[in-house]
Amino acid sequence: MKKKIIPCVILARKGSKSLKNKNTYELNGKPLISYTIEYALKSKLITHIIVSTDDYKVNQLVKKYKCICIYPRPKKYSEDMSRSEPAILHALKFFEKKIGKFNTFAYLQITEPFRPKHILDRCIKNLLDDSNLDSSFAGYIYHKNFWQKKNNSFVKLNKKNNFSYLPRQVRDPVIREDSGVALASRYYLIKKGLRIGKRVKIEKYKSFHGLIDIHDKKDIKLSSALLNKRLLD
């Protein structure tokens, strides 16, 4: 059977304010972007990796991985307030013209470089197995109580069967959307400006990987410490 075309998009915008040259910033002797590319390369279902960037250093670095690199990414997709969805769509349209038609794509975010093994492939497989699904993504499990301010009062989000005196094991969990850790979605959705549709399946996880979202040097130090203790294997 012919293998389905499934591209994986990685966005690498240059202008980070909190951590200069974040995409190529070295973490334990390796550029940050390399962790995400190397994870995608281990996937059994990803057929192509697309890196979209306005960063010359990234463009040079990814050549060794033989990715499809879109450089320079148009400025309108690379500004401080630019949303990810138009940049993803731009990358996928470029890919479609270059390689061919596809239905499903994957997305990984550089700032969340550590992922449970095979979680991206599980997300993709969910869509391959069920044509009715729009999207599948990683979700980090919490058993704590969460509150949100509405008007002038605070409302508990996870209310059902979830009194504060109940043991955490029987509380209703809250699942944090971690689409930067792993996301598989449909091309027709991103054409509508949507990364995630209504019909979803979440691949839940609870490990040290969920602690990492790199935006400054403190996050780099935490990542380095967890790597050194082999807690992200």
Foldseek 3Di string as FASTA:
>chain_A
DDAAAAEEEEEDAQDFDFAHRQQQDDFPRGGLVVLQLVLLVPDPRHDAYEYAYADPVVVVVCVVVVHHYHPPHDPCCRDPPHDVLVVVLVRVVVCCVVPHDHWKYKYAYSQLRFADRCPQVVFVVVCVVDVPAFKEAEWEKDLDWDWDDDDHDIDIDQPPVADPPDPSVPGDIDIHTDSNRIMMGTSVQSVVVHRHDDRYHYDYDHFCSVVTGDRHVVSSVVVNVCVVVVRRD
